[in-house]
Amino acid sequence: MSRKLTFGAPVAACASLFLGYFIHSEFSSAPYASGTPKTEPDVFSSALVENGSAASGGGREELEHRGFSPNSLAETSGRIERLISSGSTVDWEIAIRGQPIPFQVEFLEAVGASGSGSASEFLRSALKSDHQDIRRAAIRGLAMTNRDIDILFLESLIGDSQLAVEETTEAALALGASKSLLATQSLTRAYDKATSEEVIECVLIGLAQRPFTQTERFFRELLSRSEVPAIQKQDAIQSLGQFDSVTDAFFEPLLANPDPGVRQGAYQGIASLSQSNLGPRLLSALKTENEPALRGHIYEALSSKTAGDFYSLSQIAKRETEPSLVACAGRAVARCLLENSASASAVATFEADWVPGLAKIAMDGSREDACQALVALSFFSGTERVSGYLSKIAESADDDSARALADKILARKKR
C-alpha cells in the first residue's frame, strides 16, 4: 500500500492493478466493433514480467512455477494427505527431510488444516528451522488449526520484537484468515500494542479479513480518533474493500471526508470491491477533488466501476495535463464508453479528444504511462484510426515494452 499522498504511488498502483487483477474483467468483456477480437490477459504477460508484477508464491504456486504438472501436484497432495493421516510426527519429520522447500511449505500448511492432535507441536518445532519460508509456513499452519492455544501463541509472536518482521507480519495476516473467533480479539489487542508501521499495516489487513460484524466497532472507532495517523486510516479503509468485508454503504460517506487520507482509502477500497454501484458517486467526487494524486485513484476506481455518463466523465477528465493522469483517465473514459454501448458519435468524440494524446504518451511516455495508454487504446483497436496509431507505436515507441505491447494488441486484432 502507498505510504504517502504523491501521484507516483497511484501511478505504480494503476500500472500494477490494470496489468494484474483488473485486466481479466476488462478484456474478457465484449469489445467494440466486429473486427476487434477479445484482448486476453496473456497479451500483457511480458509487460507484467518486465514491470515486476508477476511473482510466484509459496507452496503449490511455487511447485507450479517450477514445472510440476497438475498430475504431479495431485500426486503430491495425495502423498501429503496419506502421510498426515497415517503417520506420527516422527514420520512427518522424516517425510519432509531433504524435500524441496515448496513441498515442505505445502506439507506444513496441510498439517495445520488436518485437524490432527499432533499438529500444534509439530508446527511449533518447525519454527526452529533455519529457512524463513519454512518458519512462515509453520505460522500459517498454526493459524489453520483454529485452536485457541495456537491463536494466542500467534498473538504473542506479533508482539515479539526479537522475531524478523516478516514473521511477525505473517502471524498477523495468518490470524486474519483463521476461522477462530478468538483471532479477531487477538488482532485487536495486537493493534493496540504494535509500534512498527509494517506490523500495524498487516494487523489492519488481518482485521479487514475478519467478518465485519466482529470488527465494525473497531474500524469506526479508528476512523473517529484524531490521533490515529492518516496512513493507518487509509490502509484500514482500503483493506476493507480489498477483502469485500463491507459494502457501498460504508464507503459512500467517506467520499466527502475532509481528510485526504480517508478519501484516498475510500477510492482505493471502492476500486477493490468486487461489486459496487458507486460509479456515479465517484464521478461527482471527481468534480470536487482538488488533489491530483487522489484524482488518479478515482480514475483507477472508475476503470472497474460503471461511471454512467461517458460525456460527463470525458469532459471532467479532459482537464488533466499530467501524462500519468491523462493515461489513467483515458482508460477510465474508454471503459465507460464501452459500457454505454459505444455509439458512433461517442466513439468519434473519444477518437478526437483522447486518442491522439494517449498515442503520444504511448510513443514517448514512461513505461507505466505508456502501458496505461495502450490499455485505453486497445478497447478500440478495431477502429481504423486507433489501429493506425497502434501500428506507429509498435514501430517506433521509445519504450521497447510499449512497442511489444502495441504489436501484441495488433496481433490479437488480426485473429
Protein backbone atom coordinates (compact mmCIF):
# COMPACT_ATOMS: atom_id res chain seq x y z
CA MET A 1 0.00 0.00 0.00
CA SER A 2 1.12 3.53 -0.67
CA ARG A 3 2.69 5.35 2.23
CA LYS A 4 2.15 8.97 1.14
CA LEU A 5 -0.10 11.16 -0.97
CA THR A 6 2.00 11.51 -4.09
CA PHE A 7 0.93 10.67 -7.60
CA GLY A 8 3.92 8.40 -8.12
CA ALA A 9 2.35 5.82 -5.86
CA PRO A 10 -1.05 5.71 -7.58
CA VAL A 11 0.63 5.56 -10.99
CA ALA A 12 2.55 2.46 -9.96
CA ALA A 13 -0.59 1.07 -8.40
CA CYS A 14 -2.56 1.74 -11.58
CA ALA A 15 0.07 0.01 -13.71
CA SER A 16 0.20 -2.98 -11.41
CA LEU A 17 -3.54 -3.23 -11.00
CA PHE A 18 -4.51 -2.93 -14.64
CA LEU A 19 -1.84 -5.40 -15.66
CA GLY A 20 -2.86 -7.70 -12.85
CA TYR A 21 -6.14 -8.09 -11.11
CA PHE A 22 -8.39 -5.71 -13.12
CA ILE A 23 -7.33 -6.79 -16.57
CA HIS A 24 -9.26 -10.03 -16.83
CA SER A 25 -12.66 -8.44 -16.32
CA GLU A 26 -11.85 -5.61 -18.70
CA PHE A 27 -10.60 -7.62 -21.61
CA SER A 28 -12.99 -10.53 -21.34
CA SER A 29 -15.91 -8.16 -21.98
CA ALA A 30 -17.35 -7.70 -25.46
CA PRO A 31 -15.02 -5.44 -27.48
CA TYR A 32 -16.07 -2.61 -29.76
CA ALA A 33 -16.56 -3.33 -33.47
CA SER A 34 -16.87 -6.71 -35.10
CA GLY A 35 -13.29 -6.58 -36.32
CA THR A 36 -11.89 -6.32 -32.80
CA PRO A 37 -11.29 -9.67 -31.08
CA LYS A 38 -11.19 -10.16 -27.37
CA THR A 39 -7.91 -8.97 -25.95
CA GLU A 40 -6.96 -11.52 -23.35
CA PRO A 41 -4.76 -11.11 -20.28
CA ASP A 42 -1.81 -13.04 -21.72
CA VAL A 43 -1.31 -10.21 -24.22
CA PHE A 44 0.23 -8.35 -21.32
CA SER A 45 2.35 -11.13 -19.81
CA SER A 46 5.63 -9.67 -20.99
CA ALA A 47 4.76 -6.28 -19.55
CA LEU A 48 3.86 -7.95 -16.27
CA VAL A 49 7.22 -9.68 -16.03
CA GLU A 50 9.23 -6.67 -17.09
CA ASN A 51 7.44 -4.44 -14.60
CA GLY A 52 7.99 -6.93 -11.79
CA SER A 53 4.30 -7.59 -11.31
CA ALA A 54 4.40 -11.32 -11.90
CA ALA A 55 5.54 -13.33 -8.93
CA SER A 56 5.21 -16.87 -7.75
CA GLY A 57 4.06 -17.65 -4.25
CA GLY A 58 4.98 -20.46 -1.91
CA GLY A 59 3.69 -23.99 -1.65
CA ARG A 60 1.52 -25.12 -4.55
CA GLU A 61 2.10 -21.91 -6.54
CA GLU A 62 5.85 -22.36 -6.30
CA LEU A 63 5.57 -26.02 -7.28
CA GLU A 64 3.61 -24.98 -10.35
CA HIS A 65 6.17 -22.28 -11.08
CA ARG A 66 8.89 -24.92 -11.01
CA GLY A 67 7.16 -27.01 -13.63
CA PHE A 68 5.19 -29.57 -11.62
CA SER A 69 2.31 -30.77 -13.78
CA PRO A 70 -1.28 -30.87 -12.48
CA ASN A 71 -0.98 -34.66 -12.26
CA SER A 72 2.20 -34.50 -10.23
CA LEU A 73 0.65 -31.86 -7.98
CA ALA A 74 -2.33 -34.13 -7.39
CA GLU A 75 0.05 -36.95 -6.57
CA THR A 76 1.95 -34.64 -4.21
CA SER A 77 -1.26 -33.62 -2.43
CA GLY A 78 -2.34 -37.25 -2.16
CA ARG A 79 1.04 -38.21 -0.77
CA ILE A 80 0.90 -35.42 1.81
CA GLU A 81 -2.62 -36.40 2.85
CA ARG A 82 -1.63 -40.03 3.32
CA LEU A 83 1.46 -39.09 5.33
CA ILE A 84 -0.51 -36.83 7.65
CA SER A 85 -3.40 -39.22 8.20
CA SER A 86 -1.36 -42.35 8.83
CA GLY A 87 1.98 -41.17 10.22
CA SER A 88 3.30 -39.92 13.54
CA THR A 89 5.16 -36.63 13.95
CA VAL A 90 8.39 -38.63 13.61
CA ASP A 91 7.13 -39.94 10.26
CA TRP A 92 6.29 -36.38 9.26
CA GLU A 93 9.77 -35.17 10.08
CA ILE A 94 11.31 -37.99 8.06
CA ALA A 95 8.91 -37.36 5.17
CA ILE A 96 9.89 -33.71 4.68
CA ARG A 97 13.60 -34.09 5.47
CA GLY A 98 15.60 -33.17 2.38
CA GLN A 99 12.49 -32.39 0.32
CA PRO A 100 12.23 -29.19 -1.78
CA ILE A 101 11.19 -26.15 0.22
CA PRO A 102 7.86 -25.76 -1.67
CA PHE A 103 6.94 -29.34 -0.75
CA GLN A 104 7.73 -28.68 2.91
CA VAL A 105 5.71 -25.46 2.83
CA GLU A 106 2.65 -27.23 1.46
CA PHE A 107 3.12 -30.07 3.92
CA LEU A 108 3.21 -27.73 6.93
CA GLU A 109 0.08 -25.89 5.82
CA ALA A 110 -1.69 -29.20 5.24
CA VAL A 111 -0.73 -30.35 8.74
CA GLY A 112 -2.34 -27.22 10.18
CA ALA A 113 -5.54 -27.78 8.24
CA SER A 114 -5.69 -31.50 9.01
CA GLY A 115 -7.18 -31.30 12.48
CA SER A 116 -4.53 -33.69 13.79
CA GLY A 117 -3.96 -33.54 17.52
CA SER A 118 -0.21 -33.51 16.91
CA ALA A 119 -0.28 -30.53 14.53
CA SER A 120 0.49 -27.80 17.06
CA GLU A 121 3.58 -29.45 18.49
CA PHE A 122 4.93 -30.33 15.04
CA LEU A 123 4.36 -26.86 13.63
CA ARG A 124 5.96 -25.15 16.60
CA SER A 125 9.03 -27.30 16.16
CA ALA A 126 9.19 -26.14 12.54
CA LEU A 127 9.55 -22.57 13.79
CA LYS A 128 13.12 -23.51 14.69
CA SER A 129 14.01 -24.07 11.03
CA ASP A 130 16.86 -22.08 9.52
CA HIS A 131 14.75 -21.34 6.45
CA GLN A 132 12.35 -18.40 6.72
CA ASP A 133 9.86 -19.86 4.24
CA ILE A 134 9.53 -22.90 6.48
CA ARG A 135 9.00 -20.76 9.58
CA ARG A 136 6.37 -18.66 7.85
CA ALA A 137 4.57 -21.77 6.57
CA ALA A 138 4.52 -23.10 10.12
CA ILE A 139 2.91 -19.83 11.26
CA ARG A 140 0.20 -20.17 8.62
CA GLY A 141 -0.30 -23.78 9.63
CA LEU A 142 -0.78 -22.81 13.27
CA ALA A 143 -3.48 -20.34 12.29
CA MET A 144 -5.23 -23.11 10.34
CA THR A 145 -5.59 -25.31 13.41
CA ASN A 146 -8.15 -22.78 14.72
CA ARG A 147 -7.25 -23.77 18.27
CA ASP A 148 -7.35 -21.08 20.91
CA ILE A 149 -3.93 -22.04 22.23
CA ASP A 150 -2.38 -21.58 18.79
CA ILE A 151 -4.22 -18.30 18.18
CA LEU A 152 -2.91 -16.89 21.44
CA PHE A 153 0.57 -18.13 20.60
CA LEU A 154 0.46 -16.32 17.25
CA GLU A 155 -0.71 -13.17 19.02
CA SER A 156 2.42 -13.38 21.16
CA LEU A 157 4.54 -13.68 18.00
CA ILE A 158 3.12 -10.42 16.65
CA GLY A 159 4.42 -8.63 19.71
CA ASP A 160 7.82 -10.38 19.77
CA SER A 161 10.42 -7.74 18.89
CA GLN A 162 13.10 -10.44 18.59
CA LEU A 163 11.42 -12.01 15.56
CA ALA A 164 12.05 -10.93 11.99
CA VAL A 165 9.36 -8.53 10.78
CA GLU A 166 8.49 -10.99 8.00
CA GLU A 167 7.38 -13.46 10.66
CA THR A 168 5.51 -11.06 12.92
CA THR A 169 3.60 -9.73 9.91
CA GLU A 170 2.95 -13.27 8.70
CA ALA A 171 1.36 -14.05 12.06
CA ALA A 172 -0.97 -11.04 11.71
CA LEU A 173 -2.01 -12.00 8.19
CA ALA A 174 -2.45 -15.65 9.16
CA LEU A 175 -4.74 -14.71 12.05
CA GLY A 176 -6.83 -12.70 9.63
CA ALA A 177 -7.53 -15.86 7.64
CA SER A 178 -8.16 -18.09 10.66
CA LYS A 179 -11.65 -19.46 11.30
CA SER A 180 -11.26 -18.99 15.05
CA LEU A 181 -13.48 -16.34 16.66
CA LEU A 182 -10.64 -15.58 19.04
CA ALA A 183 -8.47 -14.35 16.16
CA THR A 184 -10.38 -11.06 15.97
CA GLN A 185 -9.75 -10.33 19.63
CA SER A 186 -6.09 -11.27 19.27
CA LEU A 187 -5.62 -8.91 16.33
CA THR A 188 -7.41 -6.08 18.13
CA ARG A 189 -5.07 -6.46 21.10
CA ALA A 190 -2.09 -6.72 18.77
CA TYR A 191 -3.03 -3.41 17.12
CA ASP A 192 -3.03 -1.65 20.49
CA LYS A 193 0.47 -2.95 21.23
CA ALA A 194 2.11 -2.72 17.79
CA THR A 195 4.67 0.01 17.19
CA SER A 196 6.21 -0.59 13.75
CA GLU A 197 4.42 0.59 10.60
CA GLU A 198 4.83 -2.77 8.90
CA VAL A 199 3.23 -4.70 11.74
CA ILE A 200 0.40 -2.18 12.16
CA GLU A 201 -0.36 -2.33 8.45
CA CYS A 202 -0.52 -6.14 8.46
CA VAL A 203 -2.65 -6.21 11.62
CA LEU A 204 -5.12 -3.89 9.89
CA ILE A 205 -5.10 -6.14 6.82
CA GLY A 206 -5.68 -9.12 9.10
CA LEU A 207 -8.62 -7.38 10.78
CA ALA A 208 -10.05 -6.42 7.40
CA GLN A 209 -10.30 -10.12 6.55
CA ARG A 210 -12.43 -10.80 9.60
CA PRO A 211 -16.27 -10.67 9.43
CA PHE A 212 -17.29 -7.01 9.65
CA THR A 213 -19.83 -7.90 12.33
CA GLN A 214 -16.82 -8.63 14.55
CA THR A 215 -14.73 -5.61 13.56
CA GLU A 216 -17.19 -2.79 12.76
CA ARG A 217 -16.81 -1.14 16.15
CA PHE A 218 -13.01 -1.29 15.92
CA PHE A 219 -12.86 0.29 12.46
CA ARG A 220 -15.42 3.00 13.16
CA GLU A 221 -13.61 4.00 16.34
CA LEU A 222 -10.27 4.01 14.50
CA LEU A 223 -11.66 6.38 11.86
CA SER A 224 -13.10 8.70 14.50
CA ARG A 225 -9.89 9.06 16.52
CA SER A 226 -7.94 12.19 15.63
CA GLU A 227 -4.66 10.82 16.97
CA VAL A 228 -4.64 7.90 14.51
CA PRO A 229 -2.27 8.71 11.62
CA ALA A 230 -3.96 9.29 8.25
CA ILE A 231 -1.96 6.47 6.66
CA GLN A 232 -3.43 3.95 9.10
CA LYS A 233 -6.96 5.10 8.31
CA GLN A 234 -6.18 4.89 4.60
CA ASP A 235 -4.77 1.37 4.92
CA ALA A 236 -7.74 0.23 7.01
CA ILE A 237 -10.35 1.54 4.58
CA GLN A 238 -8.57 0.20 1.52
CA SER A 239 -8.17 -3.24 3.08
CA LEU A 240 -11.87 -3.48 3.89
CA GLY A 241 -12.60 -3.06 0.20
CA GLN A 242 -9.89 -5.48 -0.85
CA PHE A 243 -11.49 -8.30 1.12
CA ASP A 244 -15.10 -7.33 0.33
CA SER A 245 -15.68 -7.00 4.05
CA VAL A 246 -18.05 -4.04 3.60
CA THR A 247 -20.48 -2.66 1.04
CA ASP A 248 -21.08 0.67 -0.68
CA ALA A 249 -22.92 1.96 2.38
CA PHE A 250 -19.67 2.00 4.36
CA PHE A 251 -17.68 3.87 1.72
CA GLU A 252 -20.16 6.46 0.46
CA PRO A 253 -19.99 8.89 3.41
CA LEU A 254 -16.18 8.69 3.38
CA LEU A 255 -16.01 10.19 -0.12
CA ALA A 256 -16.78 13.61 1.37
CA ASN A 257 -14.44 13.29 4.35
CA PRO A 258 -12.16 16.33 4.80
CA ASP A 259 -9.17 14.08 5.49
CA PRO A 260 -7.43 13.31 2.15
CA GLY A 261 -6.06 10.05 3.58
CA VAL A 262 -9.58 8.86 4.35
CA ARG A 263 -10.79 9.84 0.88
CA GLN A 264 -7.86 8.04 -0.73
CA GLY A 265 -8.60 4.91 1.25
CA ALA A 266 -12.25 5.12 0.16
CA TYR A 267 -11.34 5.49 -3.52
CA GLN A 268 -8.94 2.55 -3.29
CA GLY A 269 -11.39 0.46 -1.30
CA ILE A 270 -14.18 1.01 -3.84
CA ALA A 271 -11.78 0.10 -6.64
CA SER A 272 -11.13 -3.20 -4.88
CA LEU A 273 -14.76 -4.14 -4.25
CA SER A 274 -15.95 -6.97 -6.44
CA GLN A 275 -19.33 -5.26 -6.75
CA SER A 276 -20.17 -1.59 -6.36
CA ASN A 277 -22.75 0.89 -7.65
CA LEU A 278 -20.79 3.96 -6.59
CA GLY A 279 -19.54 4.86 -10.08
CA PRO A 280 -21.85 7.89 -10.40
CA ARG A 281 -20.88 8.97 -6.89
CA LEU A 282 -17.20 8.74 -7.85
CA LEU A 283 -17.94 10.89 -10.89
CA SER A 284 -19.37 13.54 -8.57
CA ALA A 285 -16.31 13.30 -6.33
CA LEU A 286 -14.09 13.81 -9.36
CA LYS A 287 -15.63 17.25 -9.91
CA THR A 288 -14.61 18.49 -6.48
CA GLU A 289 -11.40 16.55 -5.77
CA ASN A 290 -8.52 19.04 -5.91
CA GLU A 291 -5.70 16.62 -5.06
CA PRO A 292 -4.18 15.34 -8.34
CA ALA A 293 -2.94 12.21 -6.59
CA LEU A 294 -6.42 11.41 -5.37
CA ARG A 295 -7.98 12.02 -8.78
CA GLY A 296 -5.64 9.30 -10.02
CA HIS A 297 -7.22 6.92 -7.53
CA ILE A 298 -10.72 7.94 -8.65
CA TYR A 299 -9.82 7.15 -12.27
CA GLU A 300 -8.42 3.86 -11.09
CA ALA A 301 -11.73 3.06 -9.40
CA LEU A 302 -13.74 4.21 -12.42
CA SER A 303 -11.73 1.82 -14.58
CA SER A 304 -13.55 -1.04 -12.89
CA LYS A 305 -16.85 0.55 -11.87
CA THR A 306 -19.63 1.90 -14.06
CA ALA A 307 -19.43 5.71 -14.14
CA GLY A 308 -22.66 6.19 -16.06
CA ASP A 309 -22.39 9.25 -18.31
CA PHE A 310 -19.49 8.94 -20.78
CA TYR A 311 -19.71 12.56 -21.93
CA SER A 312 -19.63 13.92 -18.36
CA LEU A 313 -16.64 11.78 -17.42
CA SER A 314 -14.80 12.71 -20.61
CA GLN A 315 -15.45 16.43 -20.12
CA ILE A 316 -14.29 16.39 -16.49
CA ALA A 317 -11.23 14.26 -17.23
CA LYS A 318 -10.09 16.49 -20.10
CA ARG A 319 -8.74 18.99 -17.56
CA GLU A 320 -5.82 16.65 -16.79
CA THR A 321 -2.43 17.59 -18.23
CA GLU A 322 -0.02 15.36 -16.30
CA PRO A 323 0.74 12.36 -18.58
CA SER A 324 0.25 9.87 -15.78
CA LEU A 325 -3.18 11.27 -15.01
CA VAL A 326 -4.13 11.54 -18.67
CA ALA A 327 -3.27 7.88 -19.25
CA CYS A 328 -5.19 6.75 -16.17
CA ALA A 329 -8.17 8.97 -17.05
CA GLY A 330 -8.14 7.75 -20.65
CA ARG A 331 -8.50 4.18 -19.52
CA ALA A 332 -11.49 5.08 -17.33
CA VAL A 333 -13.10 7.04 -20.18
CA ALA A 334 -12.59 4.18 -22.64
CA ARG A 335 -14.10 1.69 -20.23
CA CYS A 336 -17.08 3.97 -19.60
CA LEU A 337 -17.62 4.37 -23.33
CA LEU A 338 -17.75 0.62 -23.87
CA GLU A 339 -20.23 0.20 -21.05
CA ASN A 340 -22.52 2.76 -22.69
CA SER A 341 -22.76 0.74 -25.93
CA ALA A 342 -20.20 2.92 -27.77
CA SER A 343 -22.39 4.85 -30.21
CA ALA A 344 -20.72 6.15 -33.36
CA SER A 345 -20.84 9.75 -32.13
CA ALA A 346 -19.36 8.80 -28.76
CA VAL A 347 -16.55 6.85 -30.43
CA ALA A 348 -15.86 9.85 -32.64
CA THR A 349 -15.64 12.04 -29.52
CA PHE A 350 -13.22 9.61 -27.90
CA GLU A 351 -11.07 9.46 -31.03
CA ALA A 352 -10.95 13.24 -31.32
CA ASP A 353 -10.47 14.11 -27.65
CA TRP A 354 -8.42 11.21 -26.33
CA VAL A 355 -6.75 9.03 -28.94
CA PRO A 356 -4.03 11.48 -30.12
CA GLY A 357 -2.95 12.30 -26.56
CA LEU A 358 -2.96 8.67 -25.46
CA ALA A 359 -0.97 7.70 -28.55
CA LYS A 360 1.65 10.36 -27.77
CA ILE A 361 2.02 9.04 -24.22
CA ALA A 362 2.39 5.51 -25.59
CA MET A 363 5.02 6.76 -28.03
CA ASP A 364 7.28 8.72 -25.69
CA GLY A 365 5.97 8.36 -22.13
CA SER A 366 7.35 6.29 -19.27
CA ARG A 367 6.80 2.54 -19.36
CA GLU A 368 3.97 2.67 -16.82
CA ASP A 369 2.22 5.56 -18.55
CA ALA A 370 2.68 4.00 -22.00
CA CYS A 371 1.13 0.73 -20.84
CA GLN A 372 -1.82 2.60 -19.31
CA ALA A 373 -2.37 4.49 -22.54
CA LEU A 374 -2.17 1.31 -24.60
CA VAL A 375 -4.80 -0.36 -22.45
CA ALA A 376 -7.15 2.54 -23.18
CA LEU A 377 -6.40 2.38 -26.90
CA SER A 378 -6.78 -1.39 -27.04
CA PHE A 379 -10.50 -1.15 -26.26
CA PHE A 380 -10.94 0.39 -29.70
CA SER A 381 -8.20 -1.31 -31.67
CA GLY A 382 -10.84 -2.33 -34.22
CA THR A 383 -11.27 1.23 -35.47
CA GLU A 384 -9.13 2.42 -38.36
CA ARG A 385 -7.78 5.46 -36.53
CA VAL A 386 -6.73 3.63 -33.38
CA SER A 387 -5.28 0.77 -35.39
CA GLY A 388 -3.15 3.26 -37.32
CA TYR A 389 -1.78 4.77 -34.14
CA LEU A 390 -1.06 1.31 -32.72
CA SER A 391 0.96 0.45 -35.84
CA LYS A 392 3.09 3.57 -35.38
CA ILE A 393 3.59 2.81 -31.69
CA ALA A 394 4.60 -0.78 -32.47
CA GLU A 395 7.19 0.50 -34.92
CA SER A 396 8.75 3.46 -33.13
CA ALA A 397 7.71 3.93 -29.50
CA ASP A 398 10.58 4.96 -27.23
CA ASP A 399 10.00 2.08 -24.81
CA ASP A 400 10.59 -1.46 -26.03
CA SER A 401 7.81 -2.84 -23.81
CA ALA A 402 5.35 -0.34 -25.31
CA ARG A 403 6.36 -1.45 -28.81
CA ALA A 404 5.91 -5.10 -27.89
CA LEU A 405 2.56 -4.44 -26.22
CA ALA A 406 1.21 -2.50 -29.20
CA ASP A 407 2.36 -5.28 -31.50
CA LYS A 408 0.53 -7.89 -29.43
CA ILE A 409 -2.66 -5.85 -29.41
CA LEU A 410 -2.49 -5.62 -33.19
CA ALA A 411 -1.79 -9.34 -33.47
CA ARG A 412 -4.93 -10.07 -31.43
CA LYS A 413 -6.91 -7.73 -33.65
CA LYS A 414 -5.95 -9.72 -36.76
CA ARG A 415 -7.15 -13.07 -35.39
